[in-house]
Protein backbone atom coordinates (compact mmCIF):
# COMPACT_ATOMS: atom_id res chain seq x y z
CA UNK A 1 34.69 7.41 5.63
CA UNK A 2 34.93 3.81 6.77
CA UNK A 3 32.83 1.04 5.22
CA UNK A 4 31.01 0.50 8.56
CA UNK A 5 30.02 4.18 8.60
CA UNK A 6 28.55 3.98 5.09
CA UNK A 7 26.12 1.26 6.13
CA UNK A 8 24.93 3.28 9.13
CA UNK A 9 24.65 6.41 7.04
CA UNK A 10 22.57 4.67 4.36
CA UNK A 11 20.18 3.42 7.04
CA UNK A 12 19.46 7.02 7.99
CA UNK A 13 19.53 8.58 4.56
CA UNK A 14 16.40 6.78 3.44
CA UNK A 15 14.24 7.66 6.47
CA UNK A 16 15.63 11.18 6.54
CA UNK A 17 14.76 11.53 2.88
CA UNK A 18 11.11 11.18 3.83
CA UNK A 19 11.17 14.75 5.05
CA UNK A 20 12.11 15.92 1.57
CA UNK A 21 9.70 13.55 -0.13
CA UNK A 22 6.81 14.73 2.02
CA UNK A 23 7.85 18.33 1.59
CA UNK A 24 7.35 18.25 -2.13
CA UNK A 25 4.71 15.59 -2.22
CA UNK A 26 6.80 13.14 -4.20
CA UNK A 27 10.16 11.71 -5.01
CA UNK A 28 11.33 14.57 -7.20
CA UNK A 29 12.87 16.44 -4.26
CA UNK A 30 14.06 13.46 -2.26
CA UNK A 31 17.64 14.46 -2.97
CA UNK A 32 17.05 17.88 -1.41
CA UNK A 33 15.59 16.30 1.71
CA UNK A 34 18.26 13.64 2.15
CA UNK A 35 20.66 15.92 3.91
CA UNK A 36 18.07 17.78 5.94
CA UNK A 37 18.95 17.51 9.58
CA UNK A 38 21.61 14.86 9.04
CA UNK A 39 24.44 16.81 10.62
CA UNK A 40 22.56 17.19 13.89
CA UNK A 41 20.78 13.85 13.83
CA UNK A 42 22.55 10.91 15.40
CA UNK A 43 21.92 7.33 14.42
CA UNK A 44 19.13 7.28 16.99
CA UNK A 45 15.74 6.08 15.82
CA UNK A 46 14.03 8.31 18.39
CA UNK A 47 15.75 11.36 16.92
CA UNK A 48 14.50 10.45 13.44
CA UNK A 49 10.95 10.02 14.74
CA UNK A 50 11.13 13.32 16.64
CA UNK A 51 12.28 15.06 13.46
CA UNK A 52 9.42 13.49 11.52
CA UNK A 53 6.94 14.56 14.21
CA UNK A 54 8.31 18.12 14.07
CA UNK A 55 7.87 18.19 10.30
CA UNK A 56 4.33 16.81 10.55
CA UNK A 57 3.45 19.32 13.28
CA UNK A 58 4.68 22.14 11.04
CA UNK A 59 2.29 20.87 8.37
CA UNK A 60 -0.49 20.75 10.95
CA UNK A 61 -0.96 17.03 10.36
CA UNK A 62 -3.80 15.57 12.37
CA UNK A 63 -3.10 12.88 14.96
CA UNK A 64 -4.65 10.36 12.55
CA UNK A 65 -2.39 11.49 9.70
CA UNK A 66 0.66 11.35 11.96
CA UNK A 67 -0.22 7.84 13.15
CA UNK A 68 -0.84 6.64 9.60
CA UNK A 69 2.49 8.04 8.38
CA UNK A 70 4.34 6.46 11.30
CA UNK A 71 2.65 3.13 10.48
CA UNK A 72 3.58 3.38 6.81
CA UNK A 73 7.21 4.19 7.56
CA UNK A 74 7.45 1.63 10.33
CA UNK A 75 6.24 -1.08 7.97
CA UNK A 76 8.71 0.04 5.30
CA UNK A 77 11.59 -0.02 7.77
CA UNK A 78 10.53 -3.51 8.78
CA UNK A 79 10.76 -4.55 5.14
CA UNK A 80 14.28 -3.15 5.05
CA UNK A 81 15.68 -5.48 7.76
CA UNK A 82 16.68 -8.27 5.34
CA UNK A 83 18.46 -5.74 3.14
CA UNK A 84 20.38 -4.39 6.12
CA UNK A 85 21.53 -7.91 6.95
CA UNK A 86 22.47 -8.40 3.30
CA UNK A 87 24.52 -5.18 3.48
CA UNK A 88 26.36 -6.42 6.57
CA UNK A 89 27.06 -9.76 4.89
CA UNK A 90 28.22 -7.94 1.75
CA UNK A 91 30.60 -5.75 3.72
CA UNK A 92 32.09 -8.82 5.38
CA UNK A 93 32.47 -10.50 1.99
CA UNK A 94 34.10 -7.40 0.51
CA UNK A 95 36.51 -7.26 3.44
CA UNK A 96 37.49 -10.89 2.81
CA UNK A 97 37.93 -10.21 -0.92
CA UNK A 98 40.06 -7.12 -0.40
CA UNK A 99 42.28 -8.69 2.26
CA UNK A 100 42.95 -11.88 0.30
CA UNK A 101 46.46 -12.55 -0.94
CA UNK A 102 45.21 -12.17 -4.53
CA UNK A 103 42.58 -9.59 -5.46
CA UNK A 104 39.68 -11.22 -7.32
CA UNK A 105 38.23 -8.45 -9.48
CA UNK A 106 35.41 -10.73 -10.61
CA UNK A 107 34.37 -11.27 -6.99
CA UNK A 108 34.48 -7.52 -6.40
CA UNK A 109 32.25 -6.96 -9.43
CA UNK A 110 29.78 -9.64 -8.28
CA UNK A 111 29.65 -8.03 -4.83
CA UNK A 112 29.13 -4.60 -6.40
CA UNK A 113 26.28 -5.93 -8.54
CA UNK A 114 24.64 -7.57 -5.51
CA UNK A 115 24.93 -4.32 -3.58
CA UNK A 116 23.33 -2.33 -6.41
CA UNK A 117 20.51 -4.87 -6.73
CA UNK A 118 19.82 -4.72 -2.99
CA UNK A 119 19.84 -0.92 -3.02
CA UNK A 120 17.42 -0.99 -5.96
CA UNK A 121 15.02 -3.12 -3.92
CA UNK A 122 15.45 -0.85 -0.87
CA UNK A 123 14.70 2.21 -2.99
CA UNK A 124 11.54 0.55 -4.34
CA UNK A 125 10.30 -0.12 -0.81
CA UNK A 126 11.05 3.44 0.28
CA UNK A 127 9.66 5.04 -2.88
CA UNK A 128 6.35 3.28 -2.25
CA UNK A 129 6.42 4.35 1.41
CA UNK A 130 7.18 7.97 0.41
CA UNK A 131 4.27 8.01 -2.03
CA UNK A 132 1.93 6.36 0.47
CA UNK A 133 2.94 8.80 3.20
CA UNK A 134 2.66 11.82 0.91
CA UNK A 135 -0.88 10.77 -0.05
CA UNK A 136 -1.88 10.89 3.62
CA UNK A 137 -1.27 14.64 3.63
CA UNK A 138 -3.24 17.22 1.71
CA UNK A 139 -1.62 19.23 -1.06
CA UNK A 140 -1.73 22.28 1.22
CA UNK A 141 0.13 20.39 3.94
CA UNK A 142 2.75 19.25 1.44
CA UNK A 143 3.12 22.86 0.26
CA UNK A 144 3.64 23.99 3.87
CA UNK A 145 6.38 21.40 4.27
CA UNK A 146 7.97 22.46 0.99
CA UNK A 147 8.08 26.08 2.17
CA UNK A 148 9.59 25.04 5.51
CA UNK A 149 12.23 22.98 3.76
CA UNK A 150 13.00 25.85 1.36
CA UNK A 151 13.45 28.25 4.26
CA UNK A 152 15.81 25.90 6.09
CA UNK A 153 18.09 25.21 3.13
């Protein structure tokens, strides 16, 4: 996998993970949900929203619940924009480091640490969004999503 592909993949892993987070009503099963639908889903925002709408319809979410969840996730994705730019800048920096005539292991380590710190911040934003979105649904709706996810995996 190329470095450019990793950035694009990470951008979709977090939103796609919402399906898993909602399905179990928390972050415990985010890992299970991360891959859900990824093979068929392109890097198209509309496809991600359609998948989310399908999941919410399966849980019989009301139009108000659906709108609130879309608002929560939209706001979280807006918060992610600076991190995505930081990722792009980091990839460019790593490319420069790795194509230099002398490999600077200290620079690689600093870049790695910056990447981990940025991902930590991204995961905090998304964890809050997952929890906020899960609270919009009832426990019965979350159980319905969990059963749907279980059946599809």
